[in-house]
């Protein structure tokens, strides 16, 4: 993805997210708010509403959108020309992806505040061992991690709370 397009002010409704994420957000291009986007969560597309004050933005973003490379999936292609299925980049798909990333980051930040998260070789994808931090009182996170690690048998444990956030996010998404 690119740093030119960002989303802020994300409002997400978990209960209304059925086939797609139900959300509203502000869309920024090169740091300037140019639109709002919404999806009703029922499997339809994301709608982008350009701000009246952002004159010229639809044309600039449309031209930028056409310059972007195709999105290549990990699905095998039925086409002899390509190894994997690909499709054209769209602003709507990019916004959906950015909102998904935002929600993943927010979820991890919330978990790291209340739980000790440990992954090891025995964990399945998306599975972590967790301990409630409150139970340990005011102990520093490093001490809590040492207590938990010494009292359990792990195979190559990784304590997400002790990693820089970007590394913890990779573990959160990869595990």
Foldseek 3Di string as FASTA:
>chain_A
DDPQKAWDPWDWDPVQQDPATFIKIFIGGNRHTFWIWGDRNPPDFIDTGGDPVNPPVVVVVVVVQQVDDWAFDPDQDPDPVDRTDTGGGDPRVVVSVNSVLVVLLVVVVVCLVFWWWKDAPVADQQDTDIDGPVVVPPDDPVVVVVVVPVVDDGHHMDTLNPDDSVVSSCSNRGD
